[in-house]
Protein backbone atom coordinates (compact mmCIF):
# COMPACT_ATOMS: atom_id res chain seq x y z
CA MET A 1 165.41 108.14 118.58
CA LYS A 2 165.27 110.47 121.56
CA PHE A 3 162.78 110.29 124.38
CA VAL A 4 162.04 112.52 127.36
CA MET A 5 161.76 110.88 130.75
CA ARG A 6 160.64 112.52 133.94
CA GLU A 7 162.66 111.71 137.00
CA ARG A 8 160.38 109.77 139.26
CA MET A 9 159.79 111.77 142.41
CA PHE A 10 156.95 109.55 143.57
CA SER A 11 156.36 106.19 145.15
CA ILE A 12 155.44 102.89 143.59
CA GLY A 13 151.89 103.08 142.33
CA ASP A 14 152.30 106.28 140.36
CA ASP A 15 152.59 106.41 136.60
CA PHE A 16 154.62 108.54 134.22
CA TRP A 17 154.74 109.03 130.48
CA ILE A 18 157.83 108.77 128.31
CA GLU A 19 157.47 111.29 125.51
CA ASP A 20 159.05 111.28 122.07
CA GLU A 21 161.06 114.15 120.60
CA ALA A 22 157.87 115.86 119.44
CA GLY A 23 156.43 115.86 122.97
CA GLU A 24 153.90 113.11 122.17
CA ARG A 25 153.17 110.43 124.74
CA ALA A 26 154.97 107.32 123.47
CA PHE A 27 155.12 104.91 126.43
CA LEU A 28 153.50 104.73 129.85
CA VAL A 29 155.39 103.40 132.88
CA ASP A 30 152.68 102.08 135.17
CA GLY A 31 153.78 101.50 138.78
CA LYS A 32 151.90 98.69 140.48
CA ALA A 33 151.21 99.65 144.10
CA LEU A 34 149.47 96.52 145.30
CA ARG A 35 152.27 94.11 144.42
CA LEU A 36 154.54 92.45 146.99
CA ARG A 37 157.63 93.61 145.13
CA GLN A 38 158.52 96.65 143.03
CA THR A 39 156.74 96.18 139.71
CA PHE A 40 156.27 98.42 136.69
CA GLU A 41 154.60 97.82 133.35
CA LEU A 42 155.86 99.52 130.21
CA LYS A 43 152.82 100.14 128.03
CA GLY A 44 152.37 101.47 124.53
CA PRO A 45 150.19 104.54 123.95
CA GLY A 46 147.19 102.26 123.37
CA GLY A 47 147.61 100.57 126.75
CA GLU A 48 149.17 97.33 125.50
CA VAL A 49 151.77 95.87 127.92
CA LEU A 50 155.16 95.77 126.16
CA ALA A 51 157.28 94.69 129.14
CA VAL A 52 157.03 94.06 132.87
CA ILE A 53 159.88 95.25 135.08
CA ARG A 54 160.03 93.73 138.56
CA LYS A 55 162.49 93.48 141.39
CA LYS A 56 163.75 89.97 142.02
CA MET A 57 162.78 88.96 145.55
CA VAL A 58 165.77 86.86 146.62
CA SER A 59 169.21 87.51 145.17
CA ILE A 60 172.78 88.17 146.28
CA ARG A 61 172.65 91.63 144.73
CA ASP A 62 169.70 93.83 143.87
CA THR A 63 168.28 92.65 140.56
CA MET A 64 165.45 93.83 138.33
CA LEU A 65 163.94 91.49 135.73
CA VAL A 66 162.47 92.59 132.41
CA GLU A 67 159.81 90.19 131.15
CA ARG A 68 157.80 89.82 127.98
CA ASP A 69 154.91 87.39 127.73
CA GLY A 70 155.94 85.83 131.04
CA GLU A 71 159.52 85.15 129.88
CA THR A 72 162.57 86.94 131.30
CA VAL A 73 164.31 88.80 128.47
CA ALA A 74 166.81 90.74 130.60
CA LYS A 75 168.28 90.82 134.12
CA VAL A 76 169.68 94.12 135.37
CA HIS A 77 171.94 94.08 138.41
CA LYS A 78 174.79 95.93 140.02
CA LYS A 79 178.26 94.69 139.23
CA LEU A 80 179.24 92.58 142.25
CA PHE A 81 182.87 93.66 142.45
CA SER A 82 183.55 96.84 140.58
CA PRO A 83 185.99 99.66 141.32
CA LEU A 84 183.41 101.88 139.62
CA ARG A 85 180.48 102.36 141.93
CA HIS A 86 178.18 103.32 139.12
CA LYS A 87 178.15 100.23 136.94
CA MET A 88 175.33 97.82 136.21
CA VAL A 89 175.21 94.72 134.06
CA VAL A 90 172.33 93.78 131.78
CA GLU A 91 172.20 90.08 130.93
CA LEU A 92 169.95 89.43 127.93
CA ALA A 93 168.18 86.11 127.40
CA ASP A 94 169.99 85.63 124.07
CA GLY A 95 173.37 85.62 125.88
CA GLN A 96 174.39 89.20 125.10
CA GLU A 97 175.58 91.46 127.88
CA TRP A 98 175.20 95.20 128.11
CA THR A 99 176.76 97.50 130.70
CA ALA A 100 175.39 100.73 132.10
CA THR A 101 178.18 103.04 133.25
CA GLY A 102 178.40 106.67 134.25
CA ASP A 103 176.58 108.69 136.87
CA LEU A 104 173.51 106.51 137.26
CA ILE A 105 171.99 108.58 140.05
CA GLU A 106 172.28 111.83 138.10
CA LYS A 107 170.97 110.15 134.91
CA ASN A 108 174.12 110.75 132.85
CA TYR A 109 175.12 107.29 131.72
CA ARG A 110 175.56 105.01 128.71
CA ILE A 111 174.25 101.53 128.06
CA GLU A 112 176.74 99.73 125.84
CA ALA A 113 177.01 96.38 124.06
CA ASP A 114 180.01 94.86 122.31
CA GLU A 115 178.71 96.45 119.08
CA GLY A 116 178.56 99.95 120.54
CA VAL A 117 176.22 102.33 122.36
CA VAL A 118 172.70 101.00 122.92
CA ALA A 119 171.46 104.15 124.64
CA GLN A 120 172.69 107.29 126.33
CA THR A 121 170.93 109.37 128.96
CA SER A 122 171.56 112.97 129.90
CA ARG A 123 170.01 115.81 131.83
CA LYS A 124 172.10 118.28 129.84
CA TRP A 125 169.65 118.21 126.94
CA PHE A 126 166.88 119.74 129.04
CA ARG A 127 166.37 122.84 131.13
CA ILE A 128 163.29 121.46 132.89
CA ARG A 129 164.12 120.23 136.37
CA ASP A 130 163.55 116.53 137.04
CA THR A 131 163.68 115.73 133.31
CA TYR A 132 166.28 113.86 131.33
CA GLY A 133 166.61 112.49 127.85
CA ILE A 134 167.41 109.05 126.56
CA GLU A 135 168.75 108.60 123.07
CA VAL A 136 168.12 105.04 121.88
CA GLY A 137 170.40 103.56 119.24
CA HIS A 138 168.97 100.02 119.32
CA PRO A 139 166.04 98.66 117.27
CA ASP A 140 164.20 97.22 120.31
CA VAL A 141 163.14 100.53 121.84
CA PRO A 142 160.74 99.05 124.45
CA LEU A 143 163.47 96.71 125.73
CA VAL A 144 165.96 99.57 126.04
CA LEU A 145 163.43 101.80 127.83
CA ALA A 146 162.49 98.95 130.20
CA VAL A 147 166.18 98.43 130.99
CA ALA A 148 166.56 102.18 131.65
CA VAL A 149 163.60 102.06 134.08
CA ALA A 150 165.28 99.12 135.87
CA VAL A 151 168.63 100.94 136.05
CA ASP A 152 166.90 104.05 137.40
CA GLU A 153 165.05 102.05 140.06
CA LEU A 154 168.22 100.27 141.25
CA ALA A 155 170.15 103.56 141.29
CA GLU A 156 167.34 105.20 143.26
CA ASP A 157 167.49 102.36 145.81
CA ASP A 158 171.24 103.06 146.17
CA ARG A 159 170.63 106.78 146.62
CA HIS A 160 168.10 106.14 149.39
CA ARG A 161 170.42 103.63 151.03
CA ASP A 162 173.26 106.19 150.97
CA GLU A 163 171.03 108.88 152.49
CA GLY A 164 170.25 106.53 155.37
CA ASP A 165 173.96 106.02 156.17
């Protein structure tokens, strides 16, 4: 399945829709402005909360948590020691590990598991500025999209940090 994501050019508290291939609104990413830490809710088209994505407050490296029903189902963080700057690790609650590698800031990366590609993102599929696609090859689409939101948020933090240097 392919989805269209808009590059977030806004601050926490704004929302954006993830559209399916037909241009229909499939998922809403709801930014929560009044929270102490970066928090997003991934909602279905009917408004039901499918996942909560939040930045972990205290950690050695920047980490985003993906939660369902109050339980952490995935932790997304930068690889601590990696010769590749653009690499993140996704630790799933069931013990699996995914990696996100590629140009994370430019939204051209792959999320991979031992079994193969979980998802791939690319701007090349679209001519519209600030838009990129995500092709999901995993049955748990909301989990994959929540992980992609977490990767994007951590990559955006890096980009802002680099601009400040």
